[in-house]
N, C-alpha and C. Protein backbone atom coordinates (compact mmCIF):
# COMPACT_ATOMS: atom_id res chain seq x y z
N UNK A 1 -51.58 -58.63 -84.33
CA UNK A 1 -52.23 -57.90 -83.66
C UNK A 1 -53.71 -58.40 -83.31
N UNK A 2 -54.27 -58.33 -84.41
CA UNK A 2 -55.82 -59.07 -84.44
C UNK A 2 -55.94 -60.04 -83.91
N UNK A 3 -55.17 -60.88 -83.76
CA UNK A 3 -55.35 -62.43 -83.19
C UNK A 3 -55.39 -61.92 -81.75
N UNK A 4 -54.44 -61.30 -81.09
CA UNK A 4 -54.67 -60.64 -79.95
C UNK A 4 -55.62 -60.12 -79.37
N UNK A 5 -56.01 -59.06 -80.31
CA UNK A 5 -57.37 -58.51 -79.84
C UNK A 5 -58.45 -59.13 -79.90
N UNK A 6 -58.56 -60.32 -80.73
CA UNK A 6 -59.89 -61.41 -80.31
C UNK A 6 -59.60 -62.44 -79.03
N UNK A 7 -58.32 -62.49 -78.74
CA UNK A 7 -58.41 -63.44 -77.57
C UNK A 7 -58.52 -62.27 -76.17
N UNK A 8 -58.74 -61.16 -76.54
CA UNK A 8 -59.36 -60.31 -75.01
C UNK A 8 -60.25 -61.31 -74.31
N UNK A 9 -61.56 -61.53 -74.94
CA UNK A 9 -62.58 -61.88 -74.01
C UNK A 9 -62.07 -63.23 -73.54
N UNK A 10 -61.24 -64.20 -73.87
CA UNK A 10 -60.80 -65.19 -73.37
C UNK A 10 -59.90 -64.99 -72.08
N UNK A 11 -59.01 -64.41 -72.32
CA UNK A 11 -58.49 -63.48 -71.37
C UNK A 11 -58.96 -63.20 -69.84
N UNK A 12 -60.09 -62.31 -70.56
CA UNK A 12 -61.02 -62.05 -69.54
C UNK A 12 -61.71 -63.12 -68.68
N UNK A 13 -61.65 -64.25 -69.04
CA UNK A 13 -62.52 -65.14 -68.52
C UNK A 13 -61.55 -65.36 -67.02
N UNK A 14 -60.86 -65.32 -67.05
CA UNK A 14 -59.63 -65.53 -66.01
C UNK A 14 -59.75 -64.55 -64.86
N UNK A 15 -60.82 -63.64 -65.13
CA UNK A 15 -60.97 -62.35 -64.06
C UNK A 15 -60.09 -61.58 -63.72
N UNK A 16 -60.07 -60.96 -62.59
CA UNK A 16 -58.65 -60.25 -62.14
C UNK A 16 -57.70 -60.37 -62.70
N UNK A 17 -56.85 -61.96 -63.00
CA UNK A 17 -55.66 -62.15 -63.24
C UNK A 17 -55.63 -61.94 -64.99
N UNK A 18 -56.76 -62.06 -65.33
CA UNK A 18 -56.60 -62.25 -66.74
C UNK A 18 -56.49 -60.25 -67.05
N UNK A 19 -57.39 -59.50 -66.37
CA UNK A 19 -57.11 -58.18 -66.57
C UNK A 19 -56.05 -57.82 -66.24
N UNK A 20 -55.36 -58.18 -65.25
CA UNK A 20 -53.77 -57.39 -64.84
C UNK A 20 -53.24 -57.93 -65.98
N UNK A 21 -53.14 -58.96 -66.45
CA UNK A 21 -52.38 -59.65 -67.91
C UNK A 21 -52.82 -58.32 -68.91
N UNK A 22 -53.75 -57.86 -69.10
CA UNK A 22 -53.94 -56.95 -70.34
C UNK A 22 -53.17 -55.67 -69.60
N UNK A 23 -53.69 -55.29 -68.69
CA UNK A 23 -53.10 -54.11 -68.11
C UNK A 23 -51.83 -54.06 -68.29
N UNK A 24 -51.07 -55.22 -67.95
CA UNK A 24 -49.56 -55.48 -68.27
C UNK A 24 -49.00 -55.07 -69.89
N UNK A 25 -49.82 -55.99 -70.34
CA UNK A 25 -49.61 -56.05 -72.18
C UNK A 25 -49.66 -54.65 -72.26
N UNK A 26 -50.84 -53.76 -72.15
CA UNK A 26 -50.97 -52.38 -72.99
C UNK A 26 -49.99 -51.78 -72.27
N UNK A 27 -49.35 -51.67 -70.74
CA UNK A 27 -48.02 -51.10 -70.68
C UNK A 27 -46.83 -51.43 -71.62
N UNK A 28 -46.97 -52.76 -71.74
CA UNK A 28 -45.81 -52.96 -72.75
C UNK A 28 -45.66 -52.33 -74.46
N UNK A 29 -46.98 -52.44 -74.63
CA UNK A 29 -47.45 -51.49 -75.88
C UNK A 29 -47.17 -49.90 -75.66
N UNK A 30 -47.30 -49.55 -74.64
CA UNK A 30 -47.02 -47.93 -74.51
C UNK A 30 -45.56 -47.56 -74.56
N UNK A 31 -45.42 -48.65 -73.53
CA UNK A 31 -43.60 -48.25 -73.66
C UNK A 31 -42.37 -48.53 -75.02
N UNK A 32 -43.19 -49.36 -76.11
CA UNK A 32 -42.71 -50.10 -77.15
C UNK A 32 -42.90 -48.77 -77.84
N UNK A 33 -44.13 -48.11 -77.97
CA UNK A 33 -44.58 -47.30 -78.67
C UNK A 33 -43.70 -45.80 -78.19
N UNK A 34 -43.26 -45.53 -76.97
CA UNK A 34 -42.29 -44.24 -76.89
C UNK A 34 -40.67 -45.03 -77.08
N UNK A 35 -40.43 -45.67 -76.80
CA UNK A 35 -38.89 -46.34 -77.47
C UNK A 35 -38.76 -45.92 -78.83
N UNK A 36 -39.85 -46.35 -79.78
CA UNK A 36 -39.61 -46.30 -80.83
C UNK A 36 -39.33 -44.86 -81.54
N UNK A 37 -39.63 -43.85 -81.03
CA UNK A 37 -39.31 -42.74 -81.16
C UNK A 37 -37.99 -42.17 -81.05
N UNK A 38 -37.80 -41.30 -81.40
CA UNK A 38 -36.46 -40.75 -81.61
C UNK A 38 -36.11 -39.74 -80.21
N UNK A 39 -37.22 -39.40 -79.47
CA UNK A 39 -37.04 -38.76 -78.76
C UNK A 39 -38.08 -38.86 -77.41
N UNK A 40 -37.92 -39.71 -76.73
CA UNK A 40 -39.48 -40.01 -76.06
C UNK A 40 -39.99 -38.99 -75.10
N UNK A 41 -41.45 -38.92 -74.95
CA UNK A 41 -41.71 -37.64 -74.04
C UNK A 41 -41.91 -38.33 -73.05
N UNK A 42 -41.34 -37.49 -71.89
CA UNK A 42 -40.90 -37.40 -70.50
C UNK A 42 -42.23 -37.56 -69.54
N UNK A 43 -42.85 -36.92 -69.97
CA UNK A 43 -44.59 -36.89 -69.44
C UNK A 43 -45.35 -37.90 -69.40
N UNK A 44 -45.20 -38.68 -71.08
CA UNK A 44 -45.83 -39.76 -71.26
C UNK A 44 -45.08 -41.26 -70.59
N UNK A 45 -43.93 -40.75 -70.09
CA UNK A 45 -43.53 -41.97 -69.66
C UNK A 45 -43.48 -42.04 -68.24
N UNK A 46 -43.46 -40.83 -67.45
CA UNK A 46 -44.08 -40.67 -66.28
C UNK A 46 -45.29 -41.60 -66.13
N UNK A 47 -46.09 -41.01 -66.85
CA UNK A 47 -47.61 -41.63 -66.95
C UNK A 47 -47.79 -43.31 -67.15
N UNK A 48 -46.88 -43.92 -68.05
CA UNK A 48 -46.73 -45.26 -68.22
C UNK A 48 -46.42 -45.82 -66.70
N UNK A 49 -45.26 -45.22 -66.14
CA UNK A 49 -44.70 -46.16 -65.06
C UNK A 49 -45.52 -45.80 -63.99
N UNK A 50 -46.71 -44.81 -64.05
CA UNK A 50 -47.87 -44.77 -62.56
C UNK A 50 -49.16 -45.66 -63.27
N UNK A 51 -48.89 -45.93 -64.55
CA UNK A 51 -50.01 -46.93 -65.00
C UNK A 51 -49.64 -48.40 -64.75
N UNK A 52 -48.16 -48.68 -64.91
CA UNK A 52 -47.26 -49.96 -64.40
C UNK A 52 -47.37 -49.99 -63.00
N UNK A 53 -47.55 -49.20 -62.10
CA UNK A 53 -47.50 -48.91 -60.52
C UNK A 53 -48.98 -49.65 -60.28
N UNK A 54 -50.00 -49.12 -60.90
CA UNK A 54 -51.42 -49.14 -60.36
C UNK A 54 -51.73 -50.92 -61.28
N UNK A 55 -51.06 -51.36 -62.11
CA UNK A 55 -51.37 -52.92 -62.85
C UNK A 55 -50.79 -53.70 -61.55
N UNK A 56 -49.57 -53.46 -61.13
CA UNK A 56 -48.73 -54.15 -60.15
C UNK A 56 -49.82 -54.24 -59.24
N UNK A 57 -50.11 -53.42 -58.82
CA UNK A 57 -51.04 -52.80 -57.85
C UNK A 57 -51.94 -53.94 -57.50
N UNK A 58 -53.04 -54.11 -58.70
CA UNK A 58 -53.89 -54.92 -59.20
C UNK A 58 -53.49 -56.13 -58.67
N UNK A 59 -52.75 -56.47 -59.58
CA UNK A 59 -52.27 -58.16 -59.75
C UNK A 59 -51.84 -58.38 -58.35
N UNK A 60 -50.90 -57.90 -57.26
CA UNK A 60 -50.98 -58.30 -55.76
C UNK A 60 -52.39 -58.55 -55.24
N UNK A 61 -53.11 -57.64 -55.28
CA UNK A 61 -54.49 -57.67 -54.72
C UNK A 61 -55.23 -58.79 -55.50
N UNK A 62 -55.24 -59.35 -56.94
CA UNK A 62 -55.58 -60.58 -57.21
C UNK A 62 -55.22 -61.27 -56.97
N UNK A 63 -53.36 -61.69 -56.84
CA UNK A 63 -52.90 -62.77 -56.24
C UNK A 63 -53.52 -63.54 -54.79
N UNK A 64 -53.52 -62.14 -54.11
CA UNK A 64 -53.88 -62.37 -52.77
C UNK A 64 -55.03 -62.57 -52.29
N UNK A 65 -56.15 -62.25 -53.03
CA UNK A 65 -57.27 -62.80 -52.81
C UNK A 65 -57.32 -63.92 -53.49
N UNK A 66 -56.95 -64.07 -55.03
CA UNK A 66 -57.34 -65.64 -55.40
C UNK A 66 -56.59 -66.94 -54.48
N UNK A 67 -55.61 -66.25 -53.73
CA UNK A 67 -54.62 -67.51 -52.83
C UNK A 67 -55.44 -67.40 -51.39
N UNK A 68 -56.24 -66.42 -50.67
CA UNK A 68 -57.12 -66.47 -49.80
C UNK A 68 -58.18 -67.58 -50.27
N UNK A 69 -58.70 -66.92 -51.39
CA UNK A 69 -60.09 -67.93 -51.69
C UNK A 69 -59.87 -69.57 -52.13
N UNK A 70 -58.63 -69.48 -52.56
CA UNK A 70 -58.12 -70.83 -52.60
C UNK A 70 -58.14 -71.61 -51.36
N UNK A 71 -57.74 -71.21 -50.10
CA UNK A 71 -57.30 -71.41 -49.20
C UNK A 71 -58.28 -71.79 -48.20
N UNK A 72 -59.47 -70.66 -48.41
CA UNK A 72 -60.41 -70.74 -47.62
C UNK A 72 -61.65 -71.61 -48.19
N UNK A 73 -61.87 -71.89 -49.54
CA UNK A 73 -62.45 -73.35 -50.00
C UNK A 73 -62.11 -74.47 -49.84
N UNK A 74 -60.59 -74.33 -49.58
CA UNK A 74 -60.17 -75.74 -49.61
C UNK A 74 -60.39 -76.07 -48.46
N UNK A 75 -60.07 -75.34 -47.41
CA UNK A 75 -60.69 -75.93 -45.77
C UNK A 75 -61.87 -76.00 -45.86
N UNK A 76 -62.96 -75.69 -46.32
CA UNK A 76 -64.04 -75.74 -46.41
C UNK A 76 -64.42 -77.16 -47.10
N UNK A 77 -63.73 -77.71 -47.74
CA UNK A 77 -63.96 -79.12 -48.98
C UNK A 77 -63.20 -79.91 -48.38
N UNK A 78 -62.28 -79.38 -47.02
CA UNK A 78 -61.53 -80.52 -46.69
C UNK A 78 -62.07 -81.06 -45.27
N UNK A 79 -62.40 -80.27 -44.63
CA UNK A 79 -63.23 -80.03 -42.84
C UNK A 79 -64.64 -79.74 -43.33
N UNK A 80 -65.78 -80.58 -43.55
CA UNK A 80 -67.03 -80.54 -43.88
C UNK A 80 -67.47 -80.16 -42.44
N UNK A 81 -68.57 -79.36 -42.48
CA UNK A 81 -69.07 -79.36 -41.17
C UNK A 81 -70.48 -80.20 -41.47
N UNK A 82 -71.18 -79.84 -39.82
CA UNK A 82 -72.49 -80.77 -40.21
C UNK A 82 -73.68 -80.58 -40.86
N UNK A 83 -73.81 -79.04 -41.67
CA UNK A 83 -74.15 -78.40 -42.62
C UNK A 83 -73.94 -79.14 -43.99
N UNK A 84 -72.41 -79.07 -43.98
CA UNK A 84 -71.96 -79.27 -45.83
C UNK A 84 -71.23 -80.26 -45.61
N UNK A 85 -71.72 -81.97 -45.27
CA UNK A 85 -71.31 -82.69 -45.13
C UNK A 85 -71.10 -83.44 -46.82
N UNK A 86 -70.35 -84.16 -47.10
CA UNK A 86 -69.85 -85.03 -48.31
C UNK A 86 -71.13 -85.55 -48.82
N UNK A 87 -72.12 -86.09 -47.98
CA UNK A 87 -73.25 -86.74 -48.48
C UNK A 87 -74.61 -85.83 -49.06
N UNK A 88 -73.81 -84.47 -48.88
CA UNK A 88 -74.83 -83.42 -49.60
C UNK A 88 -74.01 -82.73 -50.31
N UNK A 89 -73.19 -83.15 -50.98
CA UNK A 89 -72.31 -81.98 -52.34
C UNK A 89 -73.04 -83.26 -53.27
N UNK A 90 -73.42 -82.17 -54.14
CA UNK A 90 -74.18 -82.74 -55.53
C UNK A 90 -73.20 -82.15 -57.13
N UNK A 91 -72.95 -83.03 -58.08
CA UNK A 91 -72.12 -82.65 -59.07
C UNK A 91 -73.62 -82.10 -60.17
N UNK A 92 -73.42 -80.90 -60.80
CA UNK A 92 -74.26 -80.75 -61.55
C UNK A 92 -74.14 -81.27 -62.98
N UNK A 93 -75.06 -81.78 -63.73
CA UNK A 93 -75.00 -81.99 -65.31
C UNK A 93 -75.70 -81.52 -66.11
N UNK A 94 -75.40 -81.23 -67.24
CA UNK A 94 -76.91 -80.53 -67.99
C UNK A 94 -76.02 -79.77 -69.22
N UNK A 95 -76.83 -79.11 -69.97
CA UNK A 95 -76.29 -78.54 -71.47
C UNK A 95 -76.84 -77.57 -71.38
N UNK A 96 -76.00 -76.55 -72.12
CA UNK A 96 -76.81 -75.00 -72.38
C UNK A 96 -76.62 -75.16 -74.10
N UNK A 97 -77.87 -74.73 -74.80
CA UNK A 97 -77.93 -74.26 -76.24
C UNK A 97 -78.54 -72.92 -76.22
N UNK A 98 -77.77 -72.24 -77.30
CA UNK A 98 -77.94 -70.99 -77.70
C UNK A 98 -78.87 -71.28 -78.91
N UNK A 99 -79.69 -70.13 -79.36
CA UNK A 99 -80.72 -70.50 -79.98
C UNK A 99 -80.58 -70.15 -81.45
N UNK A 100 -79.60 -69.28 -81.69
CA UNK A 100 -78.35 -69.52 -83.49
C UNK A 100 -77.24 -70.46 -83.22
N UNK A 101 -77.44 -71.30 -82.48
CA UNK A 101 -76.50 -72.34 -82.50
C UNK A 101 -75.14 -72.37 -82.24
N UNK A 102 -74.50 -70.91 -81.76
CA UNK A 102 -73.30 -70.71 -81.47
C UNK A 102 -72.77 -71.41 -80.20
N UNK A 103 -71.38 -71.33 -80.27
CA UNK A 103 -70.59 -72.37 -78.90
C UNK A 103 -71.64 -71.02 -77.61
N UNK A 104 -71.46 -72.44 -76.56
CA UNK A 104 -71.98 -71.89 -75.47
C UNK A 104 -70.69 -71.31 -74.26
N UNK A 105 -69.61 -71.36 -74.45
CA UNK A 105 -68.55 -71.17 -73.53
C UNK A 105 -68.34 -70.13 -73.09
N UNK A 106 -69.14 -69.13 -73.40
CA UNK A 106 -69.08 -67.64 -73.14
C UNK A 106 -70.18 -67.45 -72.25
N UNK A 107 -70.71 -68.42 -71.96
CA UNK A 107 -72.36 -68.07 -70.67
C UNK A 107 -71.44 -68.32 -69.49
N UNK A 108 -72.15 -67.24 -68.27
CA UNK A 108 -71.67 -67.21 -67.65
C UNK A 108 -72.13 -68.46 -66.57
N UNK A 109 -72.40 -69.24 -65.42
CA UNK A 109 -72.98 -69.95 -64.67
C UNK A 109 -72.57 -69.57 -63.16
N UNK A 110 -73.92 -69.08 -62.40
CA UNK A 110 -73.57 -68.57 -61.37
C UNK A 110 -74.25 -69.55 -59.98
N UNK A 111 -73.67 -69.89 -59.09
CA UNK A 111 -74.36 -70.46 -58.06
C UNK A 111 -73.88 -69.99 -56.87
N UNK A 112 -72.41 -70.44 -57.01
CA UNK A 112 -71.65 -69.45 -55.69
C UNK A 112 -70.52 -69.61 -56.26
N UNK A 113 -69.68 -68.43 -55.55
CA UNK A 113 -68.29 -68.65 -55.86
C UNK A 113 -67.39 -69.89 -56.32
N UNK A 114 -66.48 -70.01 -57.04
CA UNK A 114 -66.41 -68.89 -58.31
C UNK A 114 -67.17 -69.50 -59.49
N UNK A 115 -67.05 -68.54 -60.35
CA UNK A 115 -68.25 -68.84 -61.58
C UNK A 115 -67.50 -69.31 -62.53
N UNK A 116 -68.46 -70.04 -63.01
CA UNK A 116 -68.16 -71.46 -63.68
C UNK A 116 -68.79 -70.91 -65.57
N UNK A 117 -68.09 -71.70 -66.78
CA UNK A 117 -68.29 -71.62 -67.76
C UNK A 117 -68.57 -73.17 -68.24
N UNK A 118 -69.55 -73.21 -69.37
CA UNK A 118 -69.93 -74.59 -69.69
C UNK A 118 -68.50 -74.62 -70.86
N UNK A 119 -68.77 -75.98 -71.06
CA UNK A 119 -67.85 -76.01 -72.62
C UNK A 119 -68.29 -75.46 -73.82
N UNK A 120 -67.45 -75.65 -74.79
CA UNK A 120 -68.06 -74.93 -76.05
C UNK A 120 -69.31 -75.65 -76.54
N UNK A 121 -69.47 -76.90 -76.21
CA UNK A 121 -70.58 -78.01 -76.42
C UNK A 121 -71.39 -77.48 -75.74
N UNK A 122 -71.55 -76.75 -74.64
CA UNK A 122 -72.69 -76.52 -73.37
C UNK A 122 -72.74 -77.33 -72.46
N UNK A 123 -71.57 -78.22 -72.30
CA UNK A 123 -71.70 -79.19 -70.79
C UNK A 123 -71.45 -78.58 -69.81
N UNK A 124 -72.34 -78.43 -69.24
CA UNK A 124 -71.74 -77.66 -67.61
C UNK A 124 -70.62 -78.59 -66.99
N UNK A 125 -69.60 -78.23 -66.64
CA UNK A 125 -68.21 -78.99 -66.04
C UNK A 125 -68.11 -78.39 -64.68
N UNK A 126 -67.64 -79.10 -63.79
CA UNK A 126 -67.26 -79.34 -62.56
C UNK A 126 -67.91 -78.13 -61.93
N UNK A 127 -69.12 -78.11 -61.65
CA UNK A 127 -70.10 -77.54 -60.43
C UNK A 127 -70.55 -78.12 -59.83
N UNK A 128 -70.23 -77.95 -58.72
CA UNK A 128 -70.77 -78.37 -57.38
C UNK A 128 -71.81 -77.67 -56.84
N UNK A 129 -72.47 -78.54 -56.06
CA UNK A 129 -73.60 -77.54 -54.89
C UNK A 129 -73.72 -78.83 -53.82
N UNK A 130 -74.32 -77.57 -53.05
CA UNK A 130 -74.93 -78.45 -51.31
C UNK A 130 -76.26 -78.05 -51.54
N UNK A 131 -76.52 -78.85 -50.49
CA UNK A 131 -78.25 -78.42 -49.84
C UNK A 131 -77.91 -77.63 -48.67
N UNK A 132 -78.76 -76.50 -48.59
CA UNK A 132 -78.51 -75.93 -47.20
C UNK A 132 -79.08 -76.15 -46.19
N UNK A 133 -78.95 -75.60 -44.99
CA UNK A 133 -79.72 -76.43 -43.67
C UNK A 133 -80.86 -76.67 -43.99
N UNK A 134 -81.76 -76.09 -44.59
CA UNK A 134 -83.27 -76.65 -44.65
C UNK A 134 -83.23 -77.68 -45.89
N UNK A 135 -82.07 -78.16 -46.55
CA UNK A 135 -82.11 -79.42 -47.51
C UNK A 135 -82.68 -78.98 -48.49
N UNK A 136 -82.82 -77.54 -49.16
CA UNK A 136 -82.99 -77.27 -50.25
C UNK A 136 -81.32 -76.98 -51.07
N UNK A 137 -81.60 -77.23 -52.42
CA UNK A 137 -80.33 -76.72 -53.15
C UNK A 137 -80.45 -75.32 -53.88
N UNK A 138 -79.20 -75.17 -54.68
CA UNK A 138 -79.41 -73.60 -54.79
C UNK A 138 -80.37 -73.59 -56.35
N UNK A 139 -80.03 -72.32 -56.65
CA UNK A 139 -80.80 -71.88 -57.88
C UNK A 139 -79.65 -71.46 -58.55
N UNK A 140 -79.48 -72.25 -59.92
CA UNK A 140 -78.62 -71.75 -60.99
C UNK A 140 -78.93 -70.45 -62.16
N UNK A 141 -77.76 -69.18 -62.08
CA UNK A 141 -78.72 -68.41 -62.78
C UNK A 141 -77.23 -69.07 -63.93
N UNK A 142 -78.10 -68.18 -65.22
CA UNK A 142 -77.14 -68.13 -66.15
C UNK A 142 -77.20 -66.57 -66.77
N UNK A 143 -75.87 -66.19 -67.31
CA UNK A 143 -75.85 -64.72 -67.64
C UNK A 143 -75.06 -64.65 -69.48
N UNK A 144 -75.71 -63.92 -70.28
CA UNK A 144 -74.86 -63.36 -71.11
C UNK A 144 -75.40 -62.23 -71.78
N UNK A 145 -74.65 -61.40 -72.33
CA UNK A 145 -75.04 -59.97 -72.74
C UNK A 145 -76.17 -60.10 -73.86
N UNK A 146 -76.18 -61.12 -74.75
CA UNK A 146 -77.06 -60.97 -76.14
C UNK A 146 -78.34 -62.06 -75.95
N UNK A 147 -78.46 -62.82 -74.72
CA UNK A 147 -79.21 -64.04 -74.27
C UNK A 147 -80.28 -63.71 -72.96
N UNK A 148 -81.41 -64.45 -73.38
CA UNK A 148 -82.28 -64.07 -72.17
C UNK A 148 -82.42 -65.24 -71.51
N UNK A 149 -81.74 -65.80 -70.35
CA UNK A 149 -82.14 -66.91 -69.48
C UNK A 149 -82.96 -66.80 -68.70
N UNK A 150 -83.72 -67.82 -68.07
CA UNK A 150 -84.52 -68.33 -66.64
C UNK A 150 -83.99 -68.62 -66.12
N UNK A 151 -83.54 -68.52 -65.12
CA UNK A 151 -82.63 -69.22 -63.73
C UNK A 151 -83.69 -70.72 -63.72
N UNK A 152 -82.77 -71.61 -63.24
CA UNK A 152 -83.16 -73.26 -63.07
C UNK A 152 -83.23 -73.39 -61.67
N UNK A 153 -84.48 -73.69 -60.67
CA UNK A 153 -84.23 -74.24 -59.29
C UNK A 153 -84.09 -75.25 -59.44
N UNK A 154 -82.82 -75.61 -58.72
CA UNK A 154 -82.32 -77.45 -58.46
C UNK A 154 -83.10 -78.24 -57.78
N UNK A 155 -84.36 -77.65 -57.06
CA UNK A 155 -85.05 -78.05 -56.27
C UNK A 155 -86.27 -78.68 -57.13
N UNK A 156 -86.33 -77.98 -58.37
CA UNK A 156 -88.04 -78.29 -59.41
C UNK A 156 -87.68 -79.79 -59.91
N UNK A 157 -88.66 -80.55 -59.38
CA UNK A 157 -88.44 -81.69 -59.76
C UNK A 157 -88.88 -82.07 -61.09
N UNK A 158 -89.52 -81.13 -61.67
CA UNK A 158 -90.28 -81.40 -63.02
C UNK A 158 -88.97 -80.75 -64.27
N UNK A 159 -88.00 -80.60 -64.04
CA UNK A 159 -87.19 -79.78 -64.55
C UNK A 159 -85.54 -80.63 -64.37
N UNK A 160 -85.36 -81.23 -62.84
CA UNK A 160 -84.49 -81.81 -62.23
C UNK A 160 -84.12 -82.84 -61.56
N UNK A 161 -83.52 -83.64 -62.00
CA UNK A 161 -83.76 -85.34 -61.17
C UNK A 161 -82.60 -85.37 -60.25
N UNK A 162 -82.53 -85.73 -59.18
CA UNK A 162 -81.43 -85.77 -57.95
C UNK A 162 -81.28 -87.01 -57.91
N UNK A 163 -80.11 -87.56 -58.09
CA UNK A 163 -80.01 -88.95 -57.95
C UNK A 163 -78.41 -89.63 -57.46
N UNK A 164 -78.17 -90.20 -56.41
CA UNK A 164 -77.13 -90.42 -55.92
C UNK A 164 -76.49 -89.03 -55.41
N UNK A 165 -74.83 -89.01 -56.22
CA UNK A 165 -74.39 -87.46 -55.95
C UNK A 165 -74.39 -87.02 -57.17
N UNK A 166 -75.52 -86.50 -57.92
CA UNK A 166 -75.14 -85.79 -59.14
C UNK A 166 -77.22 -85.11 -59.28
N UNK A 167 -76.90 -83.84 -59.50
CA UNK A 167 -78.12 -83.43 -60.03
C UNK A 167 -78.06 -82.99 -61.15
N UNK A 168 -79.21 -83.92 -61.96
CA UNK A 168 -79.18 -83.62 -63.52
C UNK A 168 -80.29 -82.76 -64.25
N UNK A 169 -79.80 -81.67 -64.95
CA UNK A 169 -80.61 -81.01 -65.54
C UNK A 169 -81.21 -81.91 -66.60
N UNK A 170 -82.96 -81.93 -66.73
CA UNK A 170 -83.56 -82.78 -67.28
C UNK A 170 -83.45 -82.44 -69.20
N UNK A 171 -83.75 -81.39 -69.31
CA UNK A 171 -83.43 -80.95 -70.50
C UNK A 171 -82.97 -79.77 -70.75
N UNK A 172 -81.88 -79.64 -71.93
CA UNK A 172 -80.99 -78.09 -72.17
C UNK A 172 -81.67 -77.27 -71.33
N UNK A 173 -80.76 -76.36 -71.23
CA UNK A 173 -80.89 -74.95 -71.19
C UNK A 173 -81.41 -74.18 -72.12
N UNK A 174 -81.94 -73.57 -72.45
CA UNK A 174 -82.04 -72.84 -74.02
C UNK A 174 -81.98 -71.29 -73.65
N UNK A 175 -81.19 -70.91 -74.60
CA UNK A 175 -80.87 -69.51 -74.28
C UNK A 175 -81.31 -68.74 -75.68
N UNK A 176 -82.64 -67.75 -75.35
CA UNK A 176 -83.36 -67.02 -76.37
C UNK A 176 -82.44 -65.69 -76.84
N UNK A 177 -82.15 -65.33 -77.72
CA UNK A 177 -81.57 -64.25 -78.00
C UNK A 177 -82.45 -63.03 -77.74
N UNK A 178 -81.86 -62.37 -77.30
CA UNK A 178 -82.37 -60.97 -77.03
C UNK A 178 -82.55 -59.95 -77.83
N UNK A 179 -83.81 -59.68 -78.30
CA UNK A 179 -84.16 -58.40 -79.44
C UNK A 179 -83.88 -57.64 -79.03
N UNK A 180 -83.72 -56.77 -78.09
CA UNK A 180 -82.93 -55.56 -77.63
C UNK A 180 -81.94 -55.04 -78.04
N UNK A 181 -80.66 -56.64 -78.18
CA UNK A 181 -79.23 -56.50 -78.80
C UNK A 181 -79.18 -56.57 -80.22
């Protein structure tokens, strides 16, 4: 059971889909607990049934929203507009390092949807960015509950090198521990 509890953060990284999986898991645990009794409590069983309906509805909303998002993103990349042509798409390369040396794969990277996570070693993986109509690259924001992070402006030539189809962050993004936590 302890190994399952320690897996919750990893499951929640999948967003609404992971949350729905946890909801179904909790419903399973509640049903199993009631089935182990000699006489299950009918009120509790009705509550569990309602809980399962809510979990199922959440799963359907997650499925539909993920499908629509994948379809919309596929159309955007399949049919580039003049504002977003293939020449304006860049792959971001960089490293994230935590002050305490822990693995960095739980750091959120915000740029555009979908949210990205680095590898355990802190390497930024699979992040593509585009120039806006004014020719500017976006700002990357990093988030973690235990660290203080400064956003990176991908237009800052002192911190970023843009070459070919790649945006390379010149020095690692250093996450300082938040003294308030």
